């Protein structure tokens, strides 16, 4: 049996394949700017198939190994959706890594990979009928569930958690004391921020630039948050232009203000949505990339609703998607 593992993670716009050795050490990584967005645009998954195949073949060729040397190929994310490679039904909450392991499916796609690919399913909030009366409580995720598994494994059982996973689509995942995901909530805050920054009258005020880790300004970000909380996102956004015209010419400061404006919507969603199961004593764990992770932690501390907020950083330095995929694969007995 082969000794190498390959993990595949496909999102909306990108695909990443990583080669691991038997010591779970990262050997190589290949990326492609192709995701399920291409399938939605083209009406077929031809580009996605080609992108995954190219990444896999490069890992094999450039590391001088054969597919016979590969023990398993494990895939997660939007690759398991109807616009991915193979649609695998969502697992319904409450869902832990054991439930995901049981639902993992092996499929041979000879035009993509000569060995079977094991697909880890996503998670959804309900398996029942969705109506105009209950639609807001419904949510779905593909990819974040494996990231959630990786984070949950680092924390003790017996406590309820809220995981925050920022991105173009920010995911909030509630977890019970048994380590099972009990609900998820999605916002498009990342996309809204991109639109405000590039495609509105506010673009000039922020210099068409996003806040980076090196330019993060907590005070200005919280000013934006408080303004949006008081006046709403539309008025708060235009106030960014007012700041630039009459108060400061520093576009980085205004960008931080708009950053806080955009994130305020997410806090409202957490507190009021029926999609999550959280209370004041729920421990919040913030993951993801900077500056989003620090901003969320700062906002939640400033807001004061949740009693405990923690900042998660993977000690292994491995992608959360790969850590979670490994944990699920081990439980399923394929490793």
C-alpha atoms as a PDB file:
ATOM      1  CA  UNK A   1       0.000   0.000   0.000  1.00  0.00           C
ATOM      2  CA  UNK A   2       1.212   3.502  -0.804  1.00  0.00           C
ATOM      3  CA  UNK A   3       2.568   5.762   1.892  1.00  0.00           C
ATOM      4  CA  UNK A   4       1.549   9.180   0.591  1.00  0.00           C
ATOM      5  CA  UNK A   5      -1.701  11.091   1.142  1.00  0.00           C
ATOM      6  CA  UNK A   6      -3.093  13.830  -1.082  1.00  0.00           C
ATOM      7  CA  UNK A   7      -5.716  16.255   0.210  1.00  0.00           C
ATOM      8  CA  UNK A   8      -7.857  18.247  -2.204  1.00  0.00           C
ATOM      9  CA  UNK A   9      -9.715  21.386  -1.138  1.00  0.00           C
ATOM     10  CA  UNK A  10     -11.899  23.188  -3.678  1.00  0.00           C
ATOM     11  CA  UNK A  11     -13.730  26.419  -2.988  1.00  0.00           C
ATOM     12  CA  UNK A  12     -15.664  28.924  -5.030  1.00  0.00           C
ATOM     13  CA  UNK A  13     -12.658  30.326  -6.871  1.00  0.00           C
ATOM     14  CA  UNK A  14      -9.626  28.140  -6.096  1.00  0.00           C
ATOM     15  CA  UNK A  15      -8.432  24.552  -5.799  1.00  0.00           C
ATOM     16  CA  UNK A  16      -5.539  23.385  -3.617  1.00  0.00           C
ATOM     17  CA  UNK A  17      -3.910  19.937  -3.610  1.00  0.00           C
ATOM     18  CA  UNK A  18      -1.305  18.997  -0.991  1.00  0.00           C
ATOM     19  CA  UNK A  19       1.013  15.982  -0.894  1.00  0.00           C
ATOM     20  CA  UNK A  20       1.813  14.539   2.552  1.00  0.00           C
ATOM     21  CA  UNK A  21       4.297  11.840   3.560  1.00  0.00           C
ATOM     22  CA  UNK A  22       3.716   9.038   6.067  1.00  0.00           C
ATOM     23  CA  UNK A  23       4.842  11.316   8.927  1.00  0.00           C
ATOM     24  CA  UNK A  24       2.079  13.756   8.008  1.00  0.00           C
ATOM     25  CA  UNK A  25       4.646  16.264   6.806  1.00  0.00           C
ATOM     26  CA  UNK A  26       3.744  18.539   3.938  1.00  0.00           C
ATOM     27  CA  UNK A  27       5.893  17.740   0.913  1.00  0.00           C
ATOM     28  CA  UNK A  28       4.421  19.891  -1.835  1.00  0.00           C
ATOM     29  CA  UNK A  29       1.390  21.953  -2.776  1.00  0.00           C
ATOM     30  CA  UNK A  30      -0.241  22.888  -6.063  1.00  0.00           C
ATOM     31  CA  UNK A  31      -2.930  25.514  -6.572  1.00  0.00           C
ATOM     32  CA  UNK A  32      -5.226  26.468  -9.416  1.00  0.00           C
ATOM     33  CA  UNK A  33      -7.392  29.599  -9.814  1.00  0.00           C
ATOM     34  CA  UNK A  34     -10.321  27.364 -10.742  1.00  0.00           C
ATOM     35  CA  UNK A  35     -13.243  26.544  -8.483  1.00  0.00           C
ATOM     36  CA  UNK A  36     -16.936  25.769  -8.632  1.00  0.00           C
ATOM     37  CA  UNK A  37     -17.595  29.302  -9.852  1.00  0.00           C
ATOM     38  CA  UNK A  38     -16.282  28.154 -13.227  1.00  0.00           C
ATOM     39  CA  UNK A  39     -18.807  25.323 -13.290  1.00  0.00           C
ATOM     40  CA  UNK A  40     -21.646  27.713 -12.521  1.00  0.00           C
ATOM     41  CA  UNK A  41     -20.548  30.054 -15.315  1.00  0.00           C
ATOM     42  CA  UNK A  42     -19.812  27.385 -17.940  1.00  0.00           C
ATOM     43  CA  UNK A  43     -22.696  25.063 -17.148  1.00  0.00           C
ATOM     44  CA  UNK A  44     -20.329  22.081 -16.847  1.00  0.00           C
ATOM     45  CA  UNK A  45     -17.420  20.997 -14.645  1.00  0.00           C
ATOM     46  CA  UNK A  46     -14.878  20.504 -17.413  1.00  0.00           C
ATOM     47  CA  UNK A  47     -12.515  23.229 -16.180  1.00  0.00           C
ATOM     48  CA  UNK A  48     -12.692  21.975 -12.612  1.00  0.00           C
ATOM     49  CA  UNK A  49     -11.924  18.414 -13.668  1.00  0.00           C
ATOM     50  CA  UNK A  50      -8.959  19.622 -15.708  1.00  0.00           C
ATOM     51  CA  UNK A  51      -7.677  21.797 -12.860  1.00  0.00           C
ATOM     52  CA  UNK A  52      -7.820  19.008 -10.264  1.00  0.00           C
ATOM     53  CA  UNK A  53      -6.171  16.566 -12.667  1.00  0.00           C
ATOM     54  CA  UNK A  54      -3.401  19.043 -13.465  1.00  0.00           C
ATOM     55  CA  UNK A  55      -2.660  19.703  -9.792  1.00  0.00           C
ATOM     56  CA  UNK A  56      -2.617  15.991  -8.952  1.00  0.00           C
ATOM     57  CA  UNK A  57      -0.456  15.076 -11.929  1.00  0.00           C
ATOM     58  CA  UNK A  58       2.051  17.816 -11.075  1.00  0.00           C
ATOM     59  CA  UNK A  59       2.341  16.591  -7.488  1.00  0.00           C
ATOM     60  CA  UNK A  60       3.062  13.087  -8.748  1.00  0.00           C
ATOM     61  CA  UNK A  61       5.500  14.046 -11.496  1.00  0.00           C
ATOM     62  CA  UNK A  62       7.456  16.753  -9.697  1.00  0.00           C
ATOM     63  CA  UNK A  63       7.967  14.623  -6.593  1.00  0.00           C
ATOM     64  CA  UNK A  64       9.069  11.596  -8.625  1.00  0.00           C
ATOM     65  CA  UNK A  65       6.411   9.237  -7.323  1.00  0.00           C
ATOM     66  CA  UNK A  66       3.617   7.185  -8.900  1.00  0.00           C
ATOM     67  CA  UNK A  67      -0.072   6.964  -8.170  1.00  0.00           C
ATOM     68  CA  UNK A  68       0.669   3.455  -6.843  1.00  0.00           C
ATOM     69  CA  UNK A  69       2.609   5.211  -4.083  1.00  0.00           C
ATOM     70  CA  UNK A  70      -0.471   7.180  -3.000  1.00  0.00           C
ATOM     71  CA  UNK A  71      -2.464   5.575  -0.207  1.00  0.00           C
ATOM     72  CA  UNK A  72      -5.475   7.889  -0.383  1.00  0.00           C
ATOM     73  CA  UNK A  73      -6.753  11.006  -2.128  1.00  0.00           C
ATOM     74  CA  UNK A  74      -9.170  12.847   0.179  1.00  0.00           C
ATOM     75  CA  UNK A  75     -11.339  15.727  -1.048  1.00  0.00           C
ATOM     76  CA  UNK A  76     -13.506  18.261   0.767  1.00  0.00           C
ATOM     77  CA  UNK A  77     -15.209  21.563   0.123  1.00  0.00           C
ATOM     78  CA  UNK A  78     -17.382  22.659  -2.768  1.00  0.00           C
ATOM     79  CA  UNK A  79     -15.921  19.833  -4.832  1.00  0.00           C
ATOM     80  CA  UNK A  80     -18.657  17.658  -3.249  1.00  0.00           C
ATOM     81  CA  UNK A  81     -21.500  19.941  -4.410  1.00  0.00           C
ATOM     82  CA  UNK A  82     -23.702  19.841  -7.503  1.00  0.00           C
ATOM     83  CA  UNK A  83     -21.241  22.206  -9.200  1.00  0.00           C
ATOM     84  CA  UNK A  84     -18.201  20.201  -8.073  1.00  0.00           C
ATOM     85  CA  UNK A  85     -16.928  16.819  -9.235  1.00  0.00           C
ATOM     86  CA  UNK A  86     -19.334  14.545  -7.347  1.00  0.00           C
ATOM     87  CA  UNK A  87     -22.376  15.598  -5.334  1.00  0.00           C
ATOM     88  CA  UNK A  88     -22.361  13.993  -1.889  1.00  0.00           C
ATOM     89  CA  UNK A  89     -25.485  14.621   0.250  1.00  0.00           C
ATOM     90  CA  UNK A  90     -25.065  16.912   3.249  1.00  0.00           C
ATOM     91  CA  UNK A  91     -25.022  15.428   6.726  1.00  0.00           C
ATOM     92  CA  UNK A  92     -27.739  16.956   8.933  1.00  0.00           C
ATOM     93  CA  UNK A  93     -26.854  18.534  12.291  1.00  0.00           C
ATOM     94  CA  UNK A  94     -26.057  17.578  14.967  1.00  0.00           C
ATOM     95  CA  UNK A  95     -22.972  16.319  13.181  1.00  0.00           C
ATOM     96  CA  UNK A  96     -19.559  15.384  14.530  1.00  0.00           C
ATOM     97  CA  UNK A  97     -16.501  13.961  12.838  1.00  0.00           C
ATOM     98  CA  UNK A  98     -17.854  10.441  13.372  1.00  0.00           C
ATOM     99  CA  UNK A  99     -20.960  11.312  11.343  1.00  0.00           C
ATOM    100  CA  UNK A 100     -18.853  12.816   8.566  1.00  0.00           C
ATOM    101  CA  UNK A 101     -16.609   9.750   8.551  1.00  0.00           C
ATOM    102  CA  UNK A 102     -19.600   7.439   8.077  1.00  0.00           C
ATOM    103  CA  UNK A 103     -20.866   9.539   5.164  1.00  0.00           C
ATOM    104  CA  UNK A 104     -17.532   9.791   3.313  1.00  0.00           C
ATOM    105  CA  UNK A 105     -17.785   8.261  -0.177  1.00  0.00           C
ATOM    106  CA  UNK A 106     -15.192   6.766  -2.522  1.00  0.00           C
ATOM    107  CA  UNK A 107     -15.629   7.523  -6.229  1.00  0.00           C
ATOM    108  CA  UNK A 108     -13.381   6.636  -9.162  1.00  0.00           C
ATOM    109  CA  UNK A 109     -13.167   9.419 -11.755  1.00  0.00           C
ATOM    110  CA  UNK A 110     -10.778   8.041 -14.335  1.00  0.00           C
ATOM    111  CA  UNK A 111     -10.671  11.291 -16.306  1.00  0.00           C
ATOM    112  CA  UNK A 112      -9.429  13.089 -13.170  1.00  0.00           C
ATOM    113  CA  UNK A 113      -7.417  10.572 -11.136  1.00  0.00           C
ATOM    114  CA  UNK A 114      -6.515   6.892 -11.715  1.00  0.00           C
ATOM    115  CA  UNK A 115      -7.183   6.029  -8.067  1.00  0.00           C
ATOM    116  CA  UNK A 116     -10.468   6.542  -6.174  1.00  0.00           C
ATOM    117  CA  UNK A 117     -11.057   9.889  -4.483  1.00  0.00           C
ATOM    118  CA  UNK A 118     -12.674   9.903  -1.040  1.00  0.00           C
ATOM    119  CA  UNK A 119     -15.188  12.753  -0.769  1.00  0.00           C
ATOM    120  CA  UNK A 120     -16.112  14.216   2.635  1.00  0.00           C
ATOM    121  CA  UNK A 121     -19.669  15.632   2.672  1.00  0.00           C
ATOM    122  CA  UNK A 122     -20.835  19.012   3.876  1.00  0.00           C
ATOM    123  CA  UNK A 123     -23.298  19.807   6.653  1.00  0.00           C
ATOM    124  CA  UNK A 124     -26.758  21.396   6.667  1.00  0.00           C
ATOM    125  CA  UNK A 125     -29.017  22.699   9.414  1.00  0.00           C
ATOM    126  CA  UNK A 126     -32.130  20.696   8.570  1.00  0.00           C
ATOM    127  CA  UNK A 127     -33.301  17.667   6.674  1.00  0.00           C
ATOM    128  CA  UNK A 128     -36.900  18.801   6.772  1.00  0.00           C
ATOM    129  CA  UNK A 129     -39.084  20.980   4.578  1.00  0.00           C
ATOM    130  CA  UNK A 130     -37.974  24.597   4.223  1.00  0.00           C
ATOM    131  CA  UNK A 131     -40.749  27.200   3.961  1.00  0.00           C
ATOM    132  CA  UNK A 132     -41.245  30.965   4.073  1.00  0.00           C
ATOM    133  CA  UNK A 133     -41.764  30.542   7.802  1.00  0.00           C
ATOM    134  CA  UNK A 134     -38.473  28.796   8.651  1.00  0.00           C
ATOM    135  CA  UNK A 135     -36.049  29.543   5.783  1.00  0.00           C
ATOM    136  CA  UNK A 136     -33.855  31.848   7.881  1.00  0.00           C
ATOM    137  CA  UNK A 137     -32.939  28.986  10.196  1.00  0.00           C
ATOM    138  CA  UNK A 138     -31.578  26.971   7.264  1.00  0.00           C
ATOM    139  CA  UNK A 139     -27.937  27.059   6.243  1.00  0.00           C
ATOM    140  CA  UNK A 140     -25.391  24.862   4.492  1.00  0.00           C
ATOM    141  CA  UNK A 141     -21.633  24.470   4.324  1.00  0.00           C
ATOM    142  CA  UNK A 142     -19.106  22.493   2.351  1.00  0.00           C
ATOM    143  CA  UNK A 143     -15.489  22.759   3.434  1.00  0.00           C
ATOM    144  CA  UNK A 144     -15.915  24.639   6.679  1.00  0.00           C
ATOM    145  CA  UNK A 145     -17.074  21.448   8.411  1.00  0.00           C
ATOM    146  CA  UNK A 146     -13.599  19.916   8.078  1.00  0.00           C
ATOM    147  CA  UNK A 147     -12.039  23.150   9.332  1.00  0.00           C
ATOM    148  CA  UNK A 148     -14.469  23.021  12.229  1.00  0.00           C
ATOM    149  CA  UNK A 149     -13.442  19.455  13.056  1.00  0.00           C
ATOM    150  CA  UNK A 150      -9.787  20.529  13.151  1.00  0.00           C
ATOM    151  CA  UNK A 151     -10.537  23.349  15.583  1.00  0.00           C
ATOM    152  CA  UNK A 152     -12.910  21.341  17.794  1.00  0.00           C
ATOM    153  CA  UNK A 153     -10.236  18.677  18.313  1.00  0.00           C
ATOM    154  CA  UNK A 154      -8.090  21.292  20.078  1.00  0.00           C
ATOM    155  CA  UNK A 155     -10.704  22.134  22.717  1.00  0.00           C
ATOM    156  CA  UNK A 156     -12.173  20.182  25.658  1.00  0.00           C
ATOM    157  CA  UNK A 157     -15.637  18.654  25.562  1.00  0.00           C
ATOM    158  CA  UNK A 158     -18.348  19.747  27.940  1.00  0.00           C
ATOM    159  CA  UNK A 159     -18.519  23.341  26.683  1.00  0.00           C
ATOM    160  CA  UNK A 160     -20.500  24.968  23.903  1.00  0.00           C
ATOM    161  CA  UNK A 161     -18.560  26.811  21.227  1.00  0.00           C
ATOM    162  CA  UNK A 162     -19.113  29.255  18.393  1.00  0.00           C
ATOM    163  CA  UNK A 163     -16.496  28.933  15.658  1.00  0.00           C
ATOM    164  CA  UNK A 164     -15.884  31.937  13.410  1.00  0.00           C
ATOM    165  CA  UNK A 165     -14.298  31.193  10.030  1.00  0.00           C
ATOM    166  CA  UNK A 166     -13.901  34.432   8.028  1.00  0.00           C
ATOM    167  CA  UNK A 167     -13.664  34.523   4.243  1.00  0.00           C
ATOM    168  CA  UNK A 168     -15.529  35.743   1.185  1.00  0.00           C
ATOM    169  CA  UNK A 169     -18.432  33.927   2.823  1.00  0.00           C
ATOM    170  CA  UNK A 170     -17.946  34.011   6.579  1.00  0.00           C
ATOM    171  CA  UNK A 171     -19.146  30.905   8.401  1.00  0.00           C
ATOM    172  CA  UNK A 172     -20.290  30.782  12.005  1.00  0.00           C
ATOM    173  CA  UNK A 173     -20.620  27.264  13.433  1.00  0.00           C
ATOM    174  CA  UNK A 174     -22.202  26.374  16.778  1.00  0.00           C
ATOM    175  CA  UNK A 175     -20.839  23.291  18.555  1.00  0.00           C
ATOM    176  CA  UNK A 176     -22.313  21.442  21.542  1.00  0.00           C
ATOM    177  CA  UNK A 177     -20.594  19.889  24.548  1.00  0.00           C
ATOM    178  CA  UNK A 178     -20.149  16.574  22.730  1.00  0.00           C
ATOM    179  CA  UNK A 179     -18.175  18.202  19.933  1.00  0.00           C
ATOM    180  CA  UNK A 180     -20.994  18.022  17.406  1.00  0.00           C
ATOM    181  CA  UNK A 181     -21.825  20.902  15.084  1.00  0.00           C
ATOM    182  CA  UNK A 182     -25.385  22.022  15.844  1.00  0.00           C
ATOM    183  CA  UNK A 183     -25.830  24.755  13.263  1.00  0.00           C
ATOM    184  CA  UNK A 184     -24.094  27.038  10.817  1.00  0.00           C
ATOM    185  CA  UNK A 185     -24.714  30.559   9.596  1.00  0.00           C
ATOM    186  CA  UNK A 186     -23.311  32.140   6.443  1.00  0.00           C
ATOM    187  CA  UNK A 187     -22.872  35.794   5.543  1.00  0.00           C
ATOM    188  CA  UNK A 188     -21.452  37.357   2.383  1.00  0.00           C
ATOM    189  CA  UNK A 189     -19.601  40.065   4.299  1.00  0.00           C
ATOM    190  CA  UNK A 190     -16.359  39.436   2.416  1.00  0.00           C
ATOM    191  CA  UNK A 191     -18.122  39.943  -0.892  1.00  0.00           C
ATOM    192  CA  UNK A 192     -19.930  43.027   0.399  1.00  0.00           C
ATOM    193  CA  UNK A 193     -16.633  44.501   1.545  1.00  0.00           C
ATOM    194  CA  UNK A 194     -15.109  43.804  -1.866  1.00  0.00           C
ATOM    195  CA  UNK A 195     -18.018  45.512  -3.615  1.00  0.00           C
ATOM    196  CA  UNK A 196     -17.919  48.548  -1.318  1.00  0.00           C
ATOM    197  CA  UNK A 197     -14.148  48.827  -1.742  1.00  0.00           C
ATOM    198  CA  UNK A 198     -14.072  48.499  -5.520  1.00  0.00           C
ATOM    199  CA  UNK A 199     -17.488  49.245  -7.001  1.00  0.00           C
ATOM    200  CA  UNK A 200     -19.095  52.107  -5.067  1.00  0.00           C
ATOM    201  CA  UNK A 201     -18.479  55.806  -4.478  1.00  0.00           C
ATOM    202  CA  UNK A 202     -16.552  54.739  -1.370  1.00  0.00           C
ATOM    203  CA  UNK A 203     -13.807  53.228  -3.565  1.00  0.00           C
ATOM    204  CA  UNK A 204     -11.969  56.562  -3.811  1.00  0.00           C
ATOM    205  CA  UNK A 205     -12.154  57.171  -0.064  1.00  0.00           C
ATOM    206  CA  UNK A 206     -10.403  53.861   0.683  1.00  0.00           C
ATOM    207  CA  UNK A 207      -8.045  53.976  -2.300  1.00  0.00           C
ATOM    208  CA  UNK A 208      -9.570  50.755  -3.609  1.00  0.00           C
ATOM    209  CA  UNK A 209      -7.492  48.893  -1.031  1.00  0.00           C
ATOM    210  CA  UNK A 210      -8.406  46.427   1.685  1.00  0.00           C
ATOM    211  CA  UNK A 211      -7.094  46.475   5.223  1.00  0.00           C
ATOM    212  CA  UNK A 212      -4.058  44.247   5.672  1.00  0.00           C
ATOM    213  CA  UNK A 213      -2.440  42.887   8.805  1.00  0.00           C
ATOM    214  CA  UNK A 214       0.194  45.627   8.660  1.00  0.00           C
ATOM    215  CA  UNK A 215      -2.353  48.437   8.208  1.00  0.00           C
ATOM    216  CA  UNK A 216      -4.963  47.258  10.725  1.00  0.00           C
ATOM    217  CA  UNK A 217      -6.213  50.083  12.962  1.00  0.00           C
ATOM    218  CA  UNK A 218      -8.354  48.847  15.851  1.00  0.00           C
ATOM    219  CA  UNK A 219      -9.629  52.298  16.831  1.00  0.00           C
ATOM    220  CA  UNK A 220     -10.852  53.181  13.325  1.00  0.00           C
ATOM    221  CA  UNK A 221     -12.324  49.727  12.787  1.00  0.00           C
ATOM    222  CA  UNK A 222     -14.342  49.986  15.988  1.00  0.00           C
ATOM    223  CA  UNK A 223     -15.486  53.489  15.029  1.00  0.00           C
ATOM    224  CA  UNK A 224     -16.905  51.998  11.844  1.00  0.00           C
ATOM    225  CA  UNK A 225     -18.538  49.198  13.803  1.00  0.00           C
ATOM    226  CA  UNK A 226     -20.194  51.604  16.254  1.00  0.00           C
ATOM    227  CA  UNK A 227     -21.386  53.893  13.448  1.00  0.00           C
ATOM    228  CA  UNK A 228     -23.006  50.998  11.585  1.00  0.00           C
ATOM    229  CA  UNK A 229     -24.595  49.755  14.805  1.00  0.00           C
ATOM    230  CA  UNK A 230     -26.126  53.195  15.350  1.00  0.00           C
ATOM    231  CA  UNK A 231     -27.032  54.262  11.800  1.00  0.00           C
ATOM    232  CA  UNK A 232     -27.029  51.127   9.610  1.00  0.00           C
ATOM    233  CA  UNK A 233     -24.569  49.961   6.975  1.00  0.00           C
ATOM    234  CA  UNK A 234     -25.722  52.286   4.180  1.00  0.00           C
ATOM    235  CA  UNK A 235     -25.343  55.486   6.167  1.00  0.00           C
ATOM    236  CA  UNK A 236     -22.162  54.274   7.839  1.00  0.00           C
ATOM    237  CA  UNK A 237     -20.562  53.514   4.473  1.00  0.00           C
ATOM    238  CA  UNK A 238     -21.276  56.997   3.170  1.00  0.00           C
ATOM    239  CA  UNK A 239     -19.877  58.375   6.404  1.00  0.00           C
ATOM    240  CA  UNK A 240     -16.578  56.909   5.244  1.00  0.00           C
ATOM    241  CA  UNK A 241     -16.660  59.369   2.353  1.00  0.00           C
ATOM    242  CA  UNK A 242     -17.482  62.183   4.773  1.00  0.00           C
ATOM    243  CA  UNK A 243     -14.471  61.220   6.885  1.00  0.00           C
ATOM    244  CA  UNK A 244     -12.204  61.290   3.845  1.00  0.00           C
ATOM    245  CA  UNK A 245     -13.575  64.604   2.555  1.00  0.00           C
ATOM    246  CA  UNK A 246     -13.648  66.539   5.815  1.00  0.00           C
ATOM    247  CA  UNK A 247     -11.713  64.763   8.565  1.00  0.00           C
ATOM    248  CA  UNK A 248      -8.739  62.780   7.257  1.00  0.00           C
ATOM    249  CA  UNK A 249      -6.961  62.194   3.985  1.00  0.00           C
ATOM    250  CA  UNK A 250      -5.559  58.918   5.287  1.00  0.00           C
ATOM    251  CA  UNK A 251      -7.281  56.331   3.116  1.00  0.00           C
ATOM    252  CA  UNK A 252      -5.981  53.466   5.249  1.00  0.00           C
ATOM    253  CA  UNK A 253      -7.849  54.891   8.230  1.00  0.00           C
ATOM    254  CA  UNK A 254     -11.032  55.130   6.177  1.00  0.00           C
ATOM    255  CA  UNK A 255     -10.535  51.562   4.922  1.00  0.00           C
ATOM    256  CA  UNK A 256     -10.390  50.395   8.536  1.00  0.00           C
ATOM    257  CA  UNK A 257     -13.578  52.348   9.255  1.00  0.00           C
ATOM    258  CA  UNK A 258     -15.347  50.601   6.353  1.00  0.00           C
ATOM    259  CA  UNK A 259     -13.929  47.267   7.541  1.00  0.00           C
ATOM    260  CA  UNK A 260     -15.707  47.726  10.860  1.00  0.00           C
ATOM    261  CA  UNK A 261     -18.895  48.837   9.127  1.00  0.00           C
ATOM    262  CA  UNK A 262     -19.011  45.624   7.108  1.00  0.00           C
ATOM    263  CA  UNK A 263     -18.317  43.351  10.068  1.00  0.00           C
ATOM    264  CA  UNK A 264     -21.082  44.882  12.186  1.00  0.00           C
ATOM    265  CA  UNK A 265     -23.679  43.019  10.126  1.00  0.00           C
ATOM    266  CA  UNK A 266     -22.166  39.713  11.219  1.00  0.00           C
ATOM    267  CA  UNK A 267     -22.554  40.441  14.923  1.00  0.00           C
ATOM    268  CA  UNK A 268     -26.217  41.269  14.384  1.00  0.00           C
ATOM    269  CA  UNK A 269     -26.632  37.947  12.562  1.00  0.00           C
ATOM    270  CA  UNK A 270     -24.958  35.940  15.331  1.00  0.00           C
ATOM    271  CA  UNK A 271     -27.222  37.392  18.009  1.00  0.00           C
ATOM    272  CA  UNK A 272     -30.514  37.257  16.120  1.00  0.00           C
ATOM    273  CA  UNK A 273     -30.423  34.404  13.597  1.00  0.00           C
ATOM    274  CA  UNK A 274     -32.275  31.186  14.288  1.00  0.00           C
ATOM    275  CA  UNK A 275     -29.580  29.238  12.439  1.00  0.00           C
ATOM    276  CA  UNK A 276     -27.251  29.043  15.448  1.00  0.00           C
ATOM    277  CA  UNK A 277     -27.537  27.764  18.997  1.00  0.00           C
ATOM    278  CA  UNK A 278     -25.530  30.209  21.116  1.00  0.00           C
ATOM    279  CA  UNK A 279     -25.874  32.002  24.453  1.00  0.00           C
ATOM    280  CA  UNK A 280     -23.792  34.534  26.358  1.00  0.00           C
ATOM    281  CA  UNK A 281     -21.734  31.764  27.988  1.00  0.00           C
ATOM    282  CA  UNK A 282     -20.866  30.148  24.643  1.00  0.00           C
ATOM    283  CA  UNK A 283     -17.088  30.198  24.131  1.00  0.00           C
ATOM    284  CA  UNK A 284     -16.251  31.968  20.875  1.00  0.00           C
ATOM    285  CA  UNK A 285     -13.261  30.650  18.921  1.00  0.00           C
ATOM    286  CA  UNK A 286     -12.061  32.894  16.102  1.00  0.00           C
ATOM    287  CA  UNK A 287     -10.031  31.303  13.320  1.00  0.00           C
ATOM    288  CA  UNK A 288      -9.137  32.320   9.802  1.00  0.00           C
ATOM    289  CA  UNK A 289      -6.730  34.779   8.264  1.00  0.00           C
ATOM    290  CA  UNK A 290      -5.638  38.209   9.396  1.00  0.00           C
ATOM    291  CA  UNK A 291      -6.812  40.893   9.739  1.00  0.00           C
ATOM    292  CA  UNK A 292     -10.300  39.346   9.908  1.00  0.00           C
ATOM    293  CA  UNK A 293      -9.556  37.107  12.883  1.00  0.00           C
ATOM    294  CA  UNK A 294      -8.119  39.923  15.003  1.00  0.00           C
ATOM    295  CA  UNK A 295     -10.934  42.276  13.989  1.00  0.00           C
ATOM    296  CA  UNK A 296     -13.616  39.779  15.010  1.00  0.00           C
ATOM    297  CA  UNK A 297     -11.908  39.192  18.349  1.00  0.00           C
ATOM    298  CA  UNK A 298     -11.624  42.945  18.952  1.00  0.00           C
ATOM    299  CA  UNK A 299     -15.267  43.534  18.027  1.00  0.00           C
ATOM    300  CA  UNK A 300     -16.574  40.769  20.279  1.00  0.00           C
ATOM    301  CA  UNK A 301     -14.505  42.033  23.200  1.00  0.00           C
ATOM    302  CA  UNK A 302     -15.777  45.571  22.505  1.00  0.00           C
ATOM    303  CA  UNK A 303     -19.378  44.389  22.188  1.00  0.00           C
ATOM    304  CA  UNK A 304     -19.266  42.441  25.435  1.00  0.00           C
ATOM    305  CA  UNK A 305     -22.110  40.029  24.703  1.00  0.00           C
ATOM    306  CA  UNK A 306     -20.019  36.854  24.839  1.00  0.00           C
ATOM    307  CA  UNK A 307     -18.141  36.212  28.066  1.00  0.00           C
ATOM    308  CA  UNK A 308     -15.192  34.346  26.545  1.00  0.00           C
ATOM    309  CA  UNK A 309     -13.484  34.906  23.187  1.00  0.00           C
ATOM    310  CA  UNK A 310     -10.414  32.954  22.073  1.00  0.00           C
ATOM    311  CA  UNK A 311      -8.166  33.305  19.029  1.00  0.00           C
ATOM    312  CA  UNK A 312      -7.262  29.986  17.370  1.00  0.00           C
ATOM    313  CA  UNK A 313      -3.976  29.515  15.523  1.00  0.00           C
ATOM    314  CA  UNK A 314      -3.029  26.091  14.189  1.00  0.00           C
ATOM    315  CA  UNK A 315       0.116  24.987  16.006  1.00  0.00           C
ATOM    316  CA  UNK A 316       1.007  22.553  13.273  1.00  0.00           C
ATOM    317  CA  UNK A 317       1.034  25.284  10.650  1.00  0.00           C
ATOM    318  CA  UNK A 318      -1.108  23.001   8.488  1.00  0.00           C
ATOM    319  CA  UNK A 319      -4.233  24.146   6.643  1.00  0.00           C
ATOM    320  CA  UNK A 320      -7.303  23.496   8.780  1.00  0.00           C
ATOM    321  CA  UNK A 321      -8.992  21.738   5.871  1.00  0.00           C
ATOM    322  CA  UNK A 322      -6.183  19.170   5.743  1.00  0.00           C
ATOM    323  CA  UNK A 323      -6.126  18.677   9.525  1.00  0.00           C
ATOM    324  CA  UNK A 324      -9.860  18.046   9.574  1.00  0.00           C
ATOM    325  CA  UNK A 325      -9.768  15.790   6.537  1.00  0.00           C
ATOM    326  CA  UNK A 326      -7.084  13.660   8.200  1.00  0.00           C
ATOM    327  CA  UNK A 327      -9.128  13.323  11.395  1.00  0.00           C
ATOM    328  CA  UNK A 328     -12.259  12.298   9.489  1.00  0.00           C
ATOM    329  CA  UNK A 329     -10.359   9.888   7.246  1.00  0.00           C
ATOM    330  CA  UNK A 330      -8.787   8.163  10.255  1.00  0.00           C
ATOM    331  CA  UNK A 331     -12.214   7.629  11.816  1.00  0.00           C
ATOM    332  CA  UNK A 332     -13.602   6.247   8.563  1.00  0.00           C
ATOM    333  CA  UNK A 333     -10.862   3.610   8.564  1.00  0.00           C
ATOM    334  CA  UNK A 334      -9.336   4.568   5.223  1.00  0.00           C
ATOM    335  CA  UNK A 335      -5.958   5.536   6.708  1.00  0.00           C
END
